[in-house]
Protein backbone atom coordinates (compact mmCIF):
# COMPACT_ATOMS: atom_id res chain seq x y z
CA PRO A 1 58.65 -74.89 35.09
CA GLN A 2 61.18 -72.80 33.20
CA ILE A 3 61.26 -73.38 29.45
CA ARG A 4 64.63 -73.09 27.79
CA PHE A 5 65.39 -72.29 24.16
CA SER A 6 67.07 -75.67 23.83
CA GLN A 7 63.81 -77.42 24.75
CA LEU A 8 62.12 -75.70 21.84
CA GLY A 9 64.83 -76.70 19.43
CA PHE A 10 66.33 -73.19 19.36
CA GLY A 11 69.55 -73.53 21.32
CA GLN A 12 71.83 -70.51 21.47
CA GLU A 13 74.47 -72.23 19.39
CA ARG A 14 71.89 -73.17 16.75
CA LEU A 15 70.63 -69.58 16.65
CA ARG A 16 74.16 -68.29 16.18
CA THR A 17 74.77 -70.81 13.41
CA TRP A 18 71.53 -69.86 11.64
CA ALA A 19 72.20 -66.11 11.88
CA SER A 20 75.77 -66.50 10.67
CA GLY A 21 74.68 -68.64 7.75
CA ALA A 22 71.85 -66.28 6.78
CA MET A 23 74.07 -63.20 6.77
CA GLY A 24 76.78 -65.06 4.89
CA ASP A 25 74.41 -66.08 2.11
CA PRO A 26 74.99 -63.79 -0.94
CA GLU A 27 71.31 -63.97 -1.89
CA MET A 28 70.27 -62.97 1.62
CA LYS A 29 72.73 -60.08 1.59
CA SER A 30 71.35 -58.90 -1.76
CA LEU A 31 67.79 -59.17 -0.47
CA ILE A 32 68.63 -57.14 2.63
CA ALA A 33 70.43 -54.50 0.54
CA PHE A 34 67.42 -54.27 -1.79
CA GLY A 35 65.06 -53.85 1.17
CA VAL A 36 67.20 -51.11 2.70
CA ASN A 37 67.41 -49.24 -0.63
CA LEU A 38 63.65 -49.55 -1.05
CA LEU A 39 63.15 -47.98 2.38
CA ASN A 40 65.63 -45.21 1.52
CA TYR A 41 63.76 -44.24 -1.64
CA ALA A 42 60.40 -44.54 0.11
CA MET A 43 61.71 -41.91 2.52
CA PHE A 44 62.26 -39.53 -0.40
CA ALA A 45 58.62 -39.95 -1.43
CA GLY A 46 57.51 -39.37 2.16
CA GLY A 47 59.79 -36.35 2.45
CA LEU A 48 57.98 -34.67 -0.43
CA LEU A 49 54.66 -34.92 1.41
CA ILE A 50 55.62 -34.79 5.08
CA LYS A 51 54.64 -31.16 5.66
CA MET A 52 52.30 -30.68 2.73
CA PRO A 53 49.04 -31.56 4.57
CA GLN A 54 49.84 -28.95 7.20
CA ILE A 55 50.74 -26.35 4.58
CA VAL A 56 47.48 -27.04 2.76
CA ALA A 57 45.55 -26.73 6.04
CA ILE A 58 47.14 -23.34 6.70
CA LEU A 59 46.34 -22.08 3.20
CA ARG A 60 42.76 -23.37 3.46
CA THR A 61 41.98 -21.87 6.87
CA ARG A 62 44.21 -18.80 6.43
CA THR A 63 45.30 -19.13 10.05
CA VAL A 64 48.37 -20.31 11.96
CA LYS A 65 46.47 -20.67 15.21
CA GLY A 66 48.09 -23.22 17.51
CA MET A 67 51.44 -23.09 15.76
CA SER A 68 54.68 -22.04 17.43
CA GLU A 69 57.15 -19.90 15.48
CA ALA A 70 59.93 -21.04 17.80
CA SER A 71 59.10 -24.67 17.05
CA LEU A 72 59.00 -24.10 13.29
CA THR A 73 62.27 -22.16 13.24
CA THR A 74 64.13 -24.62 15.42
CA GLU A 75 62.92 -27.56 13.34
CA PHE A 76 64.23 -25.81 10.22
CA LEU A 77 67.63 -25.34 11.87
CA ALA A 78 67.63 -28.96 13.05
CA CYS A 79 67.05 -30.16 9.49
CA LEU A 80 69.73 -27.81 8.21
CA SER A 81 72.30 -29.02 10.74
CA LEU A 82 71.52 -32.68 9.97
CA CYS A 83 71.92 -32.08 6.24
CA ALA A 84 75.21 -30.26 6.81
CA TYR A 85 76.52 -33.01 9.11
CA ASN A 86 75.70 -35.84 6.71
CA LEU A 87 77.10 -33.91 3.75
CA LEU A 88 80.38 -33.18 5.53
CA MET A 89 80.62 -36.78 6.81
CA GLY A 90 80.24 -38.04 3.25
CA HIS A 91 77.20 -40.19 3.99
CA PRO A 92 75.27 -41.30 0.90
CA PHE A 93 72.54 -38.81 -0.05
CA LYS A 94 69.97 -41.61 -0.13
CA THR A 95 70.38 -42.05 3.65
CA TRP A 96 69.40 -38.47 4.54
CA GLY A 97 68.18 -36.62 1.43
CA GLU A 98 64.55 -36.44 2.57
CA MET A 99 65.66 -34.07 5.33
CA ALA A 100 66.59 -31.52 2.67
CA LEU A 101 63.04 -31.76 1.30
CA ILE A 102 61.56 -31.38 4.79
CA MET A 103 63.82 -28.38 5.42
CA VAL A 104 62.40 -26.60 2.38
CA GLN A 105 58.84 -27.29 3.54
CA CYS A 106 59.71 -26.00 7.03
CA GLY A 107 60.93 -22.80 5.36
CA ILE A 108 57.56 -22.46 3.61
CA GLN A 109 55.75 -22.90 6.94
CA ILE A 110 57.86 -20.17 8.55
CA PHE A 111 57.06 -17.81 5.67
CA LEU A 112 53.34 -18.56 6.03
CA PHE A 113 53.54 -17.95 9.77
CA TRP A 114 55.18 -14.57 9.22
CA THR A 115 52.52 -13.72 6.64
CA LEU A 116 49.36 -14.92 8.40
CA THR A 117 49.98 -14.50 12.12
CA ASP A 118 47.73 -12.10 14.04
CA ASN A 119 50.66 -10.99 16.20
CA LYS A 120 52.82 -8.01 15.31
CA LEU A 121 56.30 -9.23 14.40
CA SER A 122 59.60 -7.36 14.51
CA VAL A 123 61.35 -7.47 11.14
CA MET A 124 64.93 -6.75 12.21
CA PRO A 125 65.55 -9.79 14.47
CA ARG A 126 64.15 -12.12 11.82
CA ALA A 127 66.18 -10.51 9.03
CA ALA A 128 69.31 -10.79 11.19
CA GLY A 129 68.53 -14.46 11.82
CA VAL A 130 68.22 -15.17 8.09
CA VAL A 131 71.56 -13.46 7.41
CA GLY A 132 73.19 -15.35 10.29
CA VAL A 133 72.03 -18.70 8.93
CA CYS A 134 73.38 -17.86 5.48
CA VAL A 135 76.77 -16.89 6.96
CA ALA A 136 76.94 -20.11 9.00
CA VAL A 137 76.10 -22.25 5.98
CA GLY A 138 78.78 -20.45 3.98
CA GLY A 139 81.34 -21.10 6.72
CA LEU A 140 80.53 -24.81 6.76
CA TRP A 141 80.68 -24.95 2.97
CA VAL A 142 84.24 -23.56 2.82
CA GLY A 143 85.42 -25.92 5.56
CA LEU A 144 85.82 -23.59 8.55
CA LEU A 145 84.56 -26.27 10.96
CA PRO A 146 87.42 -28.52 12.19
CA GLN A 147 87.00 -32.23 11.44
CA ALA A 148 87.11 -33.06 15.16
CA LEU A 149 83.97 -30.98 15.76
CA LEU A 150 81.80 -32.77 13.18
CA PRO A 151 80.20 -35.02 15.85
CA VAL A 152 79.25 -31.85 17.74
CA LEU A 153 77.47 -30.60 14.61
CA GLY A 154 75.60 -33.91 14.45
CA LEU A 155 74.53 -33.62 18.09
CA VAL A 156 73.30 -30.06 17.47
CA GLN A 157 70.51 -31.60 15.40
CA SER A 158 69.40 -33.76 18.34
CA GLY A 159 69.37 -30.79 20.70
CA LEU A 160 67.53 -28.58 18.25
CA GLY A 161 65.06 -31.37 17.55
CA MET A 162 64.15 -31.44 21.22
CA ILE A 163 63.85 -27.66 21.38
CA ALA A 164 61.69 -27.69 18.23
CA ARG A 165 59.16 -30.18 19.55
CA VAL A 166 59.04 -29.32 23.25
CA PRO A 167 57.50 -25.80 22.83
CA GLN A 168 54.77 -27.25 20.61
CA ILE A 169 54.16 -30.13 23.02
CA LEU A 170 53.93 -27.75 25.98
CA MET A 171 51.66 -25.38 24.04
CA ASN A 172 49.34 -28.26 23.21
CA PHE A 173 49.12 -29.26 26.89
CA ARG A 174 48.52 -25.64 27.93
CA GLN A 175 45.83 -24.77 25.37
CA LYS A 176 44.22 -28.24 25.46
CA HIS A 177 44.13 -28.50 21.65
CA THR A 178 46.60 -28.92 18.80
CA GLY A 179 45.39 -26.23 16.37
CA ASN A 180 46.37 -26.92 12.76
CA GLN A 181 48.79 -29.68 13.67
CA SER A 182 48.22 -32.52 11.21
CA VAL A 183 48.13 -36.14 12.34
CA ILE A 184 49.19 -37.10 8.80
CA THR A 185 52.27 -34.90 9.02
CA TRP A 186 53.42 -36.14 12.41
CA GLY A 187 52.36 -39.72 11.67
CA LEU A 188 54.52 -39.72 8.55
CA SER A 189 57.35 -38.19 10.57
CA LEU A 190 57.03 -40.95 13.15
CA GLY A 191 57.03 -43.61 10.44
CA GLY A 192 60.02 -41.96 8.81
CA ASN A 193 61.94 -41.98 12.09
CA THR A 194 61.25 -45.70 12.42
CA VAL A 195 62.52 -46.38 8.90
CA ARG A 196 65.62 -44.23 9.44
CA ILE A 197 66.48 -46.09 12.64
CA ILE A 198 66.39 -49.32 10.62
CA THR A 199 68.38 -47.99 7.64
CA THR A 200 70.96 -46.32 9.90
CA LEU A 201 71.56 -49.58 11.73
CA ALA A 202 71.82 -51.40 8.40
CA SER A 203 73.86 -48.91 6.35
CA LEU A 204 75.83 -46.60 8.64
CA ASN A 205 78.16 -47.04 11.58
CA ASP A 206 77.30 -43.68 13.10
CA PRO A 207 75.89 -43.50 16.66
CA VAL A 208 75.42 -39.72 16.36
CA THR A 209 72.96 -40.14 13.50
CA LEU A 210 71.20 -42.99 15.30
CA ILE A 211 70.73 -40.94 18.48
CA GLY A 212 69.13 -38.15 16.45
CA TYR A 213 66.54 -40.45 14.92
CA VAL A 214 65.71 -42.12 18.26
CA VAL A 215 65.15 -38.73 19.95
CA ALA A 216 62.95 -37.59 17.04
CA PHE A 217 60.96 -40.84 17.25
CA ILE A 218 60.11 -40.20 20.91
CA LEU A 219 59.13 -36.56 20.38
CA ASN A 220 57.10 -37.13 17.21
CA GLY A 221 55.32 -40.01 18.90
CA THR A 222 54.31 -37.66 21.73
CA LEU A 223 52.81 -35.20 19.22
CA VAL A 224 50.84 -37.93 17.46
CA VAL A 225 49.38 -39.07 20.79
CA GLN A 226 48.43 -35.46 21.64
CA ILE A 227 46.65 -34.94 18.32
CA LEU A 228 44.63 -38.12 18.75
CA PHE A 229 43.67 -37.53 22.39
CA LEU A 230 42.84 -33.82 21.90
CA TRP A 231 41.00 -34.30 18.59
CA SER A 232 37.57 -33.13 19.81
CA ASN A 233 39.02 -30.12 21.63
CA THR A 234 40.87 -29.09 18.47
CA LYS A 235 37.73 -29.25 16.33
CA ALA A 236 35.89 -27.05 18.82
CA ALA A 237 38.73 -24.49 18.96
CA LEU A 238 38.95 -24.19 15.17
CA ALA A 239 35.16 -23.91 14.88
CA THR A 240 35.22 -21.02 17.37
CA LYS A 241 37.93 -19.31 15.32
CA ASP A 242 35.87 -19.67 12.11
CA LYS A 243 32.76 -18.32 13.86
CA LYS A 244 34.62 -15.24 15.11
CA ARG A 245 35.99 -14.61 11.61
CA ALA A 246 32.50 -14.91 10.11
CA ASP A 247 31.08 -12.45 12.66
């Protein structure tokens, strides 16, 4: 037999009445606002540490094996575009400020990759890229982007976020290990995406921002699953690298 909400004492009208009353209660509103602010500031604390385990792992092993420069660079640009979008939209800093912290840590990872990679890198394209980014940021700062194109800037972050993760995901599948990818780093990222989905729904009426966090949640979740399932392969690959260095 089919059980209806009304049979359980939870009729639709009663649910509507309860929800309306709860949201109309000043104490409930204050409690919700406090919870959202607590999550916002927790994101700042997480943002300070999100990439640090991976940076420490690179410094300890002195290798960037398993890391994709394209992924690191695109993630940096994704963070930069998200920060620029939120700043230009006038969103409160507490709703996105951790991305600025993550952007700085991504920059450190790129520098370490350039310093420690075994591959020979061309200096000119990378120098031109750095100059280009600086020029673009300057253009946004002085207001060269029309107001009507601000949503496009917000969607750039979602596209870049996909480009940033997909090369790393594909590399992991191809090499059957995840190198120095840190489960702590990506686990914190996944948790942060979850929190930001909640705070965006609670604090902002911005579907562009929400889409970005949902896309990041899916991609970061994929990386966490890869790290866990390829854990033993990764340990073996890093041990082989250490043995070759010792020889």
